[in-house]
């Protein structure tokens, strides 16, 4: 009798299992999570908009409203959408002209060379809480310790005079602009971008390449005020060795005569992928 009960319970369990299988469809296979992308948009000269994997928007060297190479739709600062952070590499007009207005529009801080930040605050161009001081070698966490983004200021071989129009006299005056910078921008997924600012070549580019291993460089190639394409190619190939490069700071006026083709030709068989964007063009990584 004991064995008969066992058989009856076994049959009942099997029936319940078959019923459950008949009425409950199997779960679909798990889909792999879609990897968040880094988006970089070049807006002419050295102006770049970066959208991080976490959705933070960083604008570097915003000269848009009077930039002849900026697409018309971006000459209104509102067209950029929400901006969370602004970086300015140095005090020249073609790199910081729209930074104060863009900051005011978005309540976004402007990280700039310390001397430039001081001048803008002292002259009433920007409020102190929107112009934090910053300097070479320093690392900042603009969205907090858990924000996943860090910014590091590097050397740049250039100058940084700040031309300010005195509202009382209507005349231009030259003020302290700090020393020029480049920026290492490390995003939430570890992707590193080196915006080189305006610069000539310098030996410590090799150290920057070894220390930060940038995935992408935004490199000036225009000549006259910055590196010519051939020298930029040498810095890319022999010093920085990035996976990707986007040429910037060329073609805005006749003096900036370097071209992406000259840069690509000078790189030869270097493994760096060059993305020669048109102003307004985007690349995703």
C-alpha atoms as a PDB file:
ATOM      1  CA  UNK A   1       0.000   0.000   0.000  1.00  0.00           C
ATOM      2  CA  UNK A   2       2.889   2.309   0.775  1.00  0.00           C
ATOM      3  CA  UNK A   3       4.269   1.930  -2.773  1.00  0.00           C
ATOM      4  CA  UNK A   4       0.802   2.605  -4.229  1.00  0.00           C
ATOM      5  CA  UNK A   5       0.607   5.945  -2.404  1.00  0.00           C
ATOM      6  CA  UNK A   6       4.041   6.918  -3.697  1.00  0.00           C
ATOM      7  CA  UNK A   7       2.941   6.128  -7.260  1.00  0.00           C
ATOM      8  CA  UNK A   8      -0.235   8.222  -6.834  1.00  0.00           C
ATOM      9  CA  UNK A   9       1.713  11.268  -5.523  1.00  0.00           C
ATOM     10  CA  UNK A  10       4.255  10.933  -8.357  1.00  0.00           C
ATOM     11  CA  UNK A  11       1.479  10.879 -10.950  1.00  0.00           C
ATOM     12  CA  UNK A  12      -0.192  13.940  -9.386  1.00  0.00           C
ATOM     13  CA  UNK A  13       3.113  15.902  -9.384  1.00  0.00           C
ATOM     14  CA  UNK A  14       3.727  15.033 -13.046  1.00  0.00           C
ATOM     15  CA  UNK A  15       0.233  16.226 -13.997  1.00  0.00           C
ATOM     16  CA  UNK A  16       0.721  19.532 -12.191  1.00  0.00           C
ATOM     17  CA  UNK A  17       4.081  20.059 -13.915  1.00  0.00           C
ATOM     18  CA  UNK A  18       2.593  19.413 -17.364  1.00  0.00           C
ATOM     19  CA  UNK A  19      -0.245  21.843 -16.611  1.00  0.00           C
ATOM     20  CA  UNK A  20       2.171  24.569 -15.598  1.00  0.00           C
ATOM     21  CA  UNK A  21       4.238  24.077 -18.752  1.00  0.00           C
ATOM     22  CA  UNK A  22       1.125  24.287 -20.884  1.00  0.00           C
ATOM     23  CA  UNK A  23      -0.119  27.550 -19.400  1.00  0.00           C
ATOM     24  CA  UNK A  24       3.118  29.506 -18.652  1.00  0.00           C
ATOM     25  CA  UNK A  25       5.151  30.499 -21.723  1.00  0.00           C
ATOM     26  CA  UNK A  26       8.915  30.267 -21.397  1.00  0.00           C
ATOM     27  CA  UNK A  27      10.756  33.488 -20.583  1.00  0.00           C
ATOM     28  CA  UNK A  28      12.457  35.120 -23.581  1.00  0.00           C
ATOM     29  CA  UNK A  29      16.253  34.931 -23.622  1.00  0.00           C
ATOM     30  CA  UNK A  30      17.952  37.835 -21.870  1.00  0.00           C
ATOM     31  CA  UNK A  31      19.106  40.565 -24.242  1.00  0.00           C
ATOM     32  CA  UNK A  32      22.564  42.013 -23.735  1.00  0.00           C
ATOM     33  CA  UNK A  33      22.543  45.585 -22.436  1.00  0.00           C
ATOM     34  CA  UNK A  34      23.151  48.150 -25.156  1.00  0.00           C
ATOM     35  CA  UNK A  35      26.467  49.906 -24.579  1.00  0.00           C
ATOM     36  CA  UNK A  36      26.188  53.649 -24.070  1.00  0.00           C
ATOM     37  CA  UNK A  37      28.098  55.683 -26.611  1.00  0.00           C
ATOM     38  CA  UNK A  38      30.300  58.731 -26.525  1.00  0.00           C
ATOM     39  CA  UNK A  39      29.229  61.384 -29.053  1.00  0.00           C
ATOM     40  CA  UNK A  40      31.564  64.132 -30.233  1.00  0.00           C
ATOM     41  CA  UNK A  41      30.344  66.986 -32.428  1.00  0.00           C
ATOM     42  CA  UNK A  42      32.725  69.489 -34.008  1.00  0.00           C
ATOM     43  CA  UNK A  43      31.221  72.968 -34.430  1.00  0.00           C
ATOM     44  CA  UNK A  44      34.097  74.774 -36.159  1.00  0.00           C
ATOM     45  CA  UNK A  45      37.482  76.079 -34.994  1.00  0.00           C
ATOM     46  CA  UNK A  46      38.097  74.420 -31.586  1.00  0.00           C
ATOM     47  CA  UNK A  47      34.443  74.334 -30.463  1.00  0.00           C
ATOM     48  CA  UNK A  48      33.362  70.799 -29.553  1.00  0.00           C
ATOM     49  CA  UNK A  49      30.276  69.335 -27.910  1.00  0.00           C
ATOM     50  CA  UNK A  50      30.760  66.041 -26.063  1.00  0.00           C
ATOM     51  CA  UNK A  51      27.841  63.916 -24.876  1.00  0.00           C
ATOM     52  CA  UNK A  52      28.936  61.344 -22.310  1.00  0.00           C
ATOM     53  CA  UNK A  53      27.565  57.809 -21.923  1.00  0.00           C
ATOM     54  CA  UNK A  54      25.648  59.066 -18.880  1.00  0.00           C
ATOM     55  CA  UNK A  55      24.092  61.940 -20.834  1.00  0.00           C
ATOM     56  CA  UNK A  56      26.259  64.789 -19.539  1.00  0.00           C
ATOM     57  CA  UNK A  57      26.975  67.498 -22.125  1.00  0.00           C
ATOM     58  CA  UNK A  58      30.384  69.177 -22.104  1.00  0.00           C
ATOM     59  CA  UNK A  59      31.174  72.064 -24.461  1.00  0.00           C
ATOM     60  CA  UNK A  60      34.801  73.038 -25.037  1.00  0.00           C
ATOM     61  CA  UNK A  61      35.991  76.397 -26.406  1.00  0.00           C
ATOM     62  CA  UNK A  62      32.593  77.785 -27.417  1.00  0.00           C
ATOM     63  CA  UNK A  63      32.997  80.308 -30.218  1.00  0.00           C
ATOM     64  CA  UNK A  64      29.757  79.901 -32.159  1.00  0.00           C
ATOM     65  CA  UNK A  65      27.672  83.027 -32.696  1.00  0.00           C
ATOM     66  CA  UNK A  66      30.293  84.829 -34.821  1.00  0.00           C
ATOM     67  CA  UNK A  67      32.296  81.823 -36.027  1.00  0.00           C
ATOM     68  CA  UNK A  68      32.129  81.753 -39.846  1.00  0.00           C
ATOM     69  CA  UNK A  69      32.467  77.954 -39.900  1.00  0.00           C
ATOM     70  CA  UNK A  70      29.752  77.187 -37.346  1.00  0.00           C
ATOM     71  CA  UNK A  71      26.593  75.901 -39.071  1.00  0.00           C
ATOM     72  CA  UNK A  72      23.802  78.525 -39.015  1.00  0.00           C
ATOM     73  CA  UNK A  73      21.538  76.385 -36.836  1.00  0.00           C
ATOM     74  CA  UNK A  74      24.118  76.463 -34.018  1.00  0.00           C
ATOM     75  CA  UNK A  75      24.685  80.208 -34.032  1.00  0.00           C
ATOM     76  CA  UNK A  76      21.883  80.416 -31.480  1.00  0.00           C
ATOM     77  CA  UNK A  77      23.247  79.023 -28.250  1.00  0.00           C
ATOM     78  CA  UNK A  78      19.876  77.471 -27.377  1.00  0.00           C
ATOM     79  CA  UNK A  79      20.404  75.044 -30.258  1.00  0.00           C
ATOM     80  CA  UNK A  80      22.997  73.175 -28.201  1.00  0.00           C
ATOM     81  CA  UNK A  81      20.313  72.023 -25.790  1.00  0.00           C
ATOM     82  CA  UNK A  82      21.120  71.531 -22.126  1.00  0.00           C
ATOM     83  CA  UNK A  83      24.818  72.067 -21.359  1.00  0.00           C
ATOM     84  CA  UNK A  84      26.218  70.779 -18.060  1.00  0.00           C
ATOM     85  CA  UNK A  85      29.853  71.908 -18.190  1.00  0.00           C
ATOM     86  CA  UNK A  86      31.987  74.342 -20.207  1.00  0.00           C
ATOM     87  CA  UNK A  87      35.763  74.117 -20.628  1.00  0.00           C
ATOM     88  CA  UNK A  88      37.860  76.993 -21.994  1.00  0.00           C
ATOM     89  CA  UNK A  89      41.454  76.297 -22.999  1.00  0.00           C
ATOM     90  CA  UNK A  90      42.664  79.912 -23.078  1.00  0.00           C
ATOM     91  CA  UNK A  91      41.583  83.543 -23.257  1.00  0.00           C
ATOM     92  CA  UNK A  92      41.614  84.212 -26.990  1.00  0.00           C
ATOM     93  CA  UNK A  93      38.290  85.370 -28.437  1.00  0.00           C
ATOM     94  CA  UNK A  94      37.945  82.421 -30.812  1.00  0.00           C
ATOM     95  CA  UNK A  95      37.920  80.026 -27.857  1.00  0.00           C
ATOM     96  CA  UNK A  96      35.920  81.720 -25.121  1.00  0.00           C
ATOM     97  CA  UNK A  97      33.739  84.379 -26.758  1.00  0.00           C
ATOM     98  CA  UNK A  98      30.427  82.635 -26.028  1.00  0.00           C
ATOM     99  CA  UNK A  99      31.414  80.978 -22.737  1.00  0.00           C
ATOM    100  CA  UNK A 100      29.864  83.585 -20.390  1.00  0.00           C
ATOM    101  CA  UNK A 101      26.536  83.679 -22.270  1.00  0.00           C
ATOM    102  CA  UNK A 102      26.376  79.893 -22.595  1.00  0.00           C
ATOM    103  CA  UNK A 103      27.095  79.562 -18.885  1.00  0.00           C
ATOM    104  CA  UNK A 104      24.345  82.028 -17.965  1.00  0.00           C
ATOM    105  CA  UNK A 105      21.864  80.275 -20.250  1.00  0.00           C
ATOM    106  CA  UNK A 106      22.471  76.849 -18.678  1.00  0.00           C
ATOM    107  CA  UNK A 107      23.737  77.693 -15.182  1.00  0.00           C
ATOM    108  CA  UNK A 108      26.806  75.673 -16.178  1.00  0.00           C
ATOM    109  CA  UNK A 109      30.243  76.330 -14.645  1.00  0.00           C
ATOM    110  CA  UNK A 110      33.162  77.404 -16.843  1.00  0.00           C
ATOM    111  CA  UNK A 111      36.467  75.739 -16.009  1.00  0.00           C
ATOM    112  CA  UNK A 112      39.192  77.960 -17.448  1.00  0.00           C
ATOM    113  CA  UNK A 113      42.831  78.870 -16.709  1.00  0.00           C
ATOM    114  CA  UNK A 114      42.992  80.354 -13.212  1.00  0.00           C
ATOM    115  CA  UNK A 115      44.157  83.768 -14.421  1.00  0.00           C
ATOM    116  CA  UNK A 116      41.338  84.009 -16.946  1.00  0.00           C
ATOM    117  CA  UNK A 117      38.755  82.957 -14.365  1.00  0.00           C
ATOM    118  CA  UNK A 118      40.052  85.625 -11.990  1.00  0.00           C
ATOM    119  CA  UNK A 119      39.912  88.308 -14.676  1.00  0.00           C
ATOM    120  CA  UNK A 120      36.359  87.443 -15.700  1.00  0.00           C
ATOM    121  CA  UNK A 121      35.162  87.542 -12.087  1.00  0.00           C
ATOM    122  CA  UNK A 122      37.050  90.748 -11.230  1.00  0.00           C
ATOM    123  CA  UNK A 123      35.742  92.515 -14.334  1.00  0.00           C
ATOM    124  CA  UNK A 124      32.161  91.382 -13.724  1.00  0.00           C
ATOM    125  CA  UNK A 125      32.021  89.217 -16.843  1.00  0.00           C
ATOM    126  CA  UNK A 126      31.052  86.121 -14.830  1.00  0.00           C
ATOM    127  CA  UNK A 127      29.915  85.447 -11.250  1.00  0.00           C
ATOM    128  CA  UNK A 128      32.480  83.763  -9.034  1.00  0.00           C
ATOM    129  CA  UNK A 129      30.382  80.630  -8.457  1.00  0.00           C
ATOM    130  CA  UNK A 130      30.282  79.970 -12.219  1.00  0.00           C
ATOM    131  CA  UNK A 131      34.030  80.484 -12.829  1.00  0.00           C
ATOM    132  CA  UNK A 132      35.916  78.002 -10.629  1.00  0.00           C
ATOM    133  CA  UNK A 133      39.708  78.358 -10.740  1.00  0.00           C
ATOM    134  CA  UNK A 134      41.675  75.542 -12.365  1.00  0.00           C
ATOM    135  CA  UNK A 135      45.290  74.935 -13.332  1.00  0.00           C
ATOM    136  CA  UNK A 136      47.767  72.632 -15.047  1.00  0.00           C
ATOM    137  CA  UNK A 137      48.187  69.195 -13.569  1.00  0.00           C
ATOM    138  CA  UNK A 138      45.051  69.583 -11.494  1.00  0.00           C
ATOM    139  CA  UNK A 139      42.204  67.086 -11.601  1.00  0.00           C
ATOM    140  CA  UNK A 140      38.604  68.077 -10.980  1.00  0.00           C
ATOM    141  CA  UNK A 141      35.456  65.999 -10.538  1.00  0.00           C
ATOM    142  CA  UNK A 142      32.838  68.434 -11.834  1.00  0.00           C
ATOM    143  CA  UNK A 143      29.884  66.165 -11.048  1.00  0.00           C
ATOM    144  CA  UNK A 144      31.137  64.931  -7.693  1.00  0.00           C
ATOM    145  CA  UNK A 145      33.112  61.918  -6.509  1.00  0.00           C
ATOM    146  CA  UNK A 146      30.510  59.504  -7.882  1.00  0.00           C
ATOM    147  CA  UNK A 147      29.817  61.395 -11.104  1.00  0.00           C
ATOM    148  CA  UNK A 148      32.187  59.265 -13.150  1.00  0.00           C
ATOM    149  CA  UNK A 149      33.794  62.161 -15.063  1.00  0.00           C
ATOM    150  CA  UNK A 150      37.145  63.763 -14.378  1.00  0.00           C
ATOM    151  CA  UNK A 151      38.931  66.626 -16.100  1.00  0.00           C
ATOM    152  CA  UNK A 152      42.701  67.112 -16.037  1.00  0.00           C
ATOM    153  CA  UNK A 153      44.446  70.273 -17.235  1.00  0.00           C
ATOM    154  CA  UNK A 154      47.573  69.752 -19.349  1.00  0.00           C
ATOM    155  CA  UNK A 155      50.227  72.033 -20.756  1.00  0.00           C
ATOM    156  CA  UNK A 156      49.705  73.765 -24.113  1.00  0.00           C
ATOM    157  CA  UNK A 157      52.359  75.699 -26.030  1.00  0.00           C
ATOM    158  CA  UNK A 158      50.574  78.930 -26.883  1.00  0.00           C
ATOM    159  CA  UNK A 159      49.605  82.308 -25.344  1.00  0.00           C
ATOM    160  CA  UNK A 160      46.472  83.521 -23.535  1.00  0.00           C
ATOM    161  CA  UNK A 161      45.866  87.267 -23.640  1.00  0.00           C
ATOM    162  CA  UNK A 162      42.383  88.387 -22.607  1.00  0.00           C
ATOM    163  CA  UNK A 163      41.019  91.274 -24.686  1.00  0.00           C
ATOM    164  CA  UNK A 164      38.262  93.046 -22.728  1.00  0.00           C
ATOM    165  CA  UNK A 165      36.167  95.998 -23.849  1.00  0.00           C
ATOM    166  CA  UNK A 166      35.964  98.582 -21.084  1.00  0.00           C
ATOM    167  CA  UNK A 167      32.306  99.662 -20.897  1.00  0.00           C
ATOM    168  CA  UNK A 168      33.282 103.094 -19.556  1.00  0.00           C
ATOM    169  CA  UNK A 169      35.661 103.996 -22.397  1.00  0.00           C
ATOM    170  CA  UNK A 170      34.449 101.685 -25.157  1.00  0.00           C
ATOM    171  CA  UNK A 171      38.078 100.725 -25.748  1.00  0.00           C
ATOM    172  CA  UNK A 172      39.705  97.305 -25.742  1.00  0.00           C
ATOM    173  CA  UNK A 173      42.108  96.549 -22.910  1.00  0.00           C
ATOM    174  CA  UNK A 174      44.450  93.582 -22.518  1.00  0.00           C
ATOM    175  CA  UNK A 175      44.004  91.730 -19.248  1.00  0.00           C
ATOM    176  CA  UNK A 176      45.448  88.665 -17.555  1.00  0.00           C
ATOM    177  CA  UNK A 177      44.336  85.470 -19.298  1.00  0.00           C
ATOM    178  CA  UNK A 178      46.261  82.838 -17.385  1.00  0.00           C
ATOM    179  CA  UNK A 179      48.324  80.192 -19.159  1.00  0.00           C
ATOM    180  CA  UNK A 180      46.870  78.113 -22.006  1.00  0.00           C
ATOM    181  CA  UNK A 181      45.654  74.598 -21.288  1.00  0.00           C
ATOM    182  CA  UNK A 182      44.734  71.346 -22.926  1.00  0.00           C
ATOM    183  CA  UNK A 183      42.213  68.972 -21.345  1.00  0.00           C
ATOM    184  CA  UNK A 184      42.059  65.263 -20.665  1.00  0.00           C
ATOM    185  CA  UNK A 185      38.354  64.427 -20.350  1.00  0.00           C
ATOM    186  CA  UNK A 186      37.731  60.985 -18.872  1.00  0.00           C
ATOM    187  CA  UNK A 187      34.097  59.870 -19.158  1.00  0.00           C
ATOM    188  CA  UNK A 188      31.992  57.433 -17.114  1.00  0.00           C
ATOM    189  CA  UNK A 189      33.003  54.406 -19.199  1.00  0.00           C
ATOM    190  CA  UNK A 190      36.734  55.224 -19.050  1.00  0.00           C
ATOM    191  CA  UNK A 191      36.876  56.685 -22.580  1.00  0.00           C
ATOM    192  CA  UNK A 192      39.509  59.441 -22.650  1.00  0.00           C
ATOM    193  CA  UNK A 193      39.486  62.486 -24.911  1.00  0.00           C
ATOM    194  CA  UNK A 194      42.452  64.853 -25.203  1.00  0.00           C
ATOM    195  CA  UNK A 195      41.339  68.272 -26.413  1.00  0.00           C
ATOM    196  CA  UNK A 196      44.705  69.863 -27.108  1.00  0.00           C
ATOM    197  CA  UNK A 197      43.544  73.486 -27.198  1.00  0.00           C
ATOM    198  CA  UNK A 198      45.773  75.705 -29.311  1.00  0.00           C
ATOM    199  CA  UNK A 199      49.302  74.397 -29.186  1.00  0.00           C
ATOM    200  CA  UNK A 200      52.616  73.910 -30.863  1.00  0.00           C
ATOM    201  CA  UNK A 201      54.420  70.631 -30.378  1.00  0.00           C
ATOM    202  CA  UNK A 202      56.244  70.039 -27.092  1.00  0.00           C
ATOM    203  CA  UNK A 203      58.210  67.079 -25.775  1.00  0.00           C
ATOM    204  CA  UNK A 204      55.865  66.255 -22.906  1.00  0.00           C
ATOM    205  CA  UNK A 205      53.162  65.255 -25.373  1.00  0.00           C
ATOM    206  CA  UNK A 206      54.905  61.884 -25.184  1.00  0.00           C
ATOM    207  CA  UNK A 207      54.426  61.867 -21.409  1.00  0.00           C
ATOM    208  CA  UNK A 208      50.747  62.810 -21.830  1.00  0.00           C
ATOM    209  CA  UNK A 209      50.347  59.883 -24.213  1.00  0.00           C
ATOM    210  CA  UNK A 210      52.009  57.458 -21.822  1.00  0.00           C
ATOM    211  CA  UNK A 211      50.266  58.754 -18.704  1.00  0.00           C
ATOM    212  CA  UNK A 212      46.687  59.138 -19.965  1.00  0.00           C
ATOM    213  CA  UNK A 213      46.582  56.948 -23.096  1.00  0.00           C
ATOM    214  CA  UNK A 214      43.868  59.020 -24.836  1.00  0.00           C
ATOM    215  CA  UNK A 215      41.410  57.083 -26.982  1.00  0.00           C
ATOM    216  CA  UNK A 216      40.626  60.215 -29.035  1.00  0.00           C
ATOM    217  CA  UNK A 217      42.584  63.401 -29.639  1.00  0.00           C
ATOM    218  CA  UNK A 218      41.102  66.669 -30.880  1.00  0.00           C
ATOM    219  CA  UNK A 219      44.182  68.086 -32.545  1.00  0.00           C
ATOM    220  CA  UNK A 220      44.794  71.534 -34.092  1.00  0.00           C
ATOM    221  CA  UNK A 221      46.328  71.314 -37.566  1.00  0.00           C
ATOM    222  CA  UNK A 222      45.757  74.766 -39.074  1.00  0.00           C
ATOM    223  CA  UNK A 223      49.348  76.120 -39.037  1.00  0.00           C
ATOM    224  CA  UNK A 224      50.327  79.763 -38.394  1.00  0.00           C
ATOM    225  CA  UNK A 225      48.922  79.902 -34.819  1.00  0.00           C
ATOM    226  CA  UNK A 226      49.085  76.157 -34.084  1.00  0.00           C
ATOM    227  CA  UNK A 227      50.848  73.055 -35.408  1.00  0.00           C
ATOM    228  CA  UNK A 228      51.004  72.498 -39.160  1.00  0.00           C
ATOM    229  CA  UNK A 229      49.567  69.164 -40.309  1.00  0.00           C
ATOM    230  CA  UNK A 230      52.970  67.511 -40.680  1.00  0.00           C
ATOM    231  CA  UNK A 231      54.014  68.365 -37.123  1.00  0.00           C
ATOM    232  CA  UNK A 232      50.579  67.378 -35.808  1.00  0.00           C
ATOM    233  CA  UNK A 233      51.045  64.029 -37.548  1.00  0.00           C
ATOM    234  CA  UNK A 234      54.400  63.553 -35.822  1.00  0.00           C
ATOM    235  CA  UNK A 235      52.839  64.309 -32.419  1.00  0.00           C
ATOM    236  CA  UNK A 236      50.039  61.832 -33.169  1.00  0.00           C
ATOM    237  CA  UNK A 237      52.183  59.024 -34.530  1.00  0.00           C
ATOM    238  CA  UNK A 238      55.261  59.227 -32.302  1.00  0.00           C
ATOM    239  CA  UNK A 239      54.025  60.739 -29.044  1.00  0.00           C
ATOM    240  CA  UNK A 240      50.303  60.360 -28.362  1.00  0.00           C
ATOM    241  CA  UNK A 241      49.421  57.182 -30.315  1.00  0.00           C
ATOM    242  CA  UNK A 242      45.625  57.451 -29.935  1.00  0.00           C
ATOM    243  CA  UNK A 243      43.072  55.127 -31.497  1.00  0.00           C
ATOM    244  CA  UNK A 244      41.202  58.043 -33.101  1.00  0.00           C
ATOM    245  CA  UNK A 245      41.897  61.666 -34.074  1.00  0.00           C
ATOM    246  CA  UNK A 246      39.623  64.523 -35.132  1.00  0.00           C
ATOM    247  CA  UNK A 247      41.420  67.494 -36.726  1.00  0.00           C
ATOM    248  CA  UNK A 248      40.302  70.920 -35.463  1.00  0.00           C
ATOM    249  CA  UNK A 249      41.327  74.600 -35.697  1.00  0.00           C
ATOM    250  CA  UNK A 250      41.806  74.841 -39.454  1.00  0.00           C
ATOM    251  CA  UNK A 251      40.112  76.535 -42.388  1.00  0.00           C
ATOM    252  CA  UNK A 252      38.396  79.289 -40.382  1.00  0.00           C
ATOM    253  CA  UNK A 253      40.438  81.992 -42.101  1.00  0.00           C
ATOM    254  CA  UNK A 254      43.120  81.987 -44.830  1.00  0.00           C
ATOM    255  CA  UNK A 255      45.946  81.896 -42.277  1.00  0.00           C
ATOM    256  CA  UNK A 256      44.777  78.515 -40.958  1.00  0.00           C
ATOM    257  CA  UNK A 257      45.732  76.797 -44.182  1.00  0.00           C
ATOM    258  CA  UNK A 258      46.467  73.258 -42.941  1.00  0.00           C
ATOM    259  CA  UNK A 259      44.103  70.547 -44.189  1.00  0.00           C
ATOM    260  CA  UNK A 260      42.994  67.108 -42.978  1.00  0.00           C
ATOM    261  CA  UNK A 261      44.379  65.564 -46.194  1.00  0.00           C
ATOM    262  CA  UNK A 262      47.848  66.889 -45.400  1.00  0.00           C
ATOM    263  CA  UNK A 263      47.528  65.514 -41.881  1.00  0.00           C
ATOM    264  CA  UNK A 264      46.366  62.091 -43.087  1.00  0.00           C
ATOM    265  CA  UNK A 265      49.081  61.931 -45.745  1.00  0.00           C
ATOM    266  CA  UNK A 266      51.758  62.825 -43.179  1.00  0.00           C
ATOM    267  CA  UNK A 267      50.517  60.114 -40.794  1.00  0.00           C
ATOM    268  CA  UNK A 268      51.355  57.481 -43.388  1.00  0.00           C
ATOM    269  CA  UNK A 269      50.585  53.984 -42.121  1.00  0.00           C
ATOM    270  CA  UNK A 270      50.082  54.984 -38.471  1.00  0.00           C
ATOM    271  CA  UNK A 271      47.193  52.979 -36.961  1.00  0.00           C
ATOM    272  CA  UNK A 272      45.282  56.068 -35.754  1.00  0.00           C
ATOM    273  CA  UNK A 273      41.851  56.411 -37.379  1.00  0.00           C
ATOM    274  CA  UNK A 274      41.356  60.006 -38.573  1.00  0.00           C
ATOM    275  CA  UNK A 275      37.780  61.321 -38.644  1.00  0.00           C
ATOM    276  CA  UNK A 276      37.745  64.489 -40.737  1.00  0.00           C
ATOM    277  CA  UNK A 277      34.396  65.984 -39.791  1.00  0.00           C
ATOM    278  CA  UNK A 278      32.618  68.886 -41.417  1.00  0.00           C
ATOM    279  CA  UNK A 279      31.473  71.600 -38.964  1.00  0.00           C
ATOM    280  CA  UNK A 280      28.337  70.237 -37.326  1.00  0.00           C
ATOM    281  CA  UNK A 281      29.426  66.661 -37.989  1.00  0.00           C
ATOM    282  CA  UNK A 282      29.334  63.997 -35.287  1.00  0.00           C
ATOM    283  CA  UNK A 283      31.289  60.865 -34.435  1.00  0.00           C
ATOM    284  CA  UNK A 284      30.284  58.140 -31.982  1.00  0.00           C
ATOM    285  CA  UNK A 285      32.568  55.812 -30.074  1.00  0.00           C
END
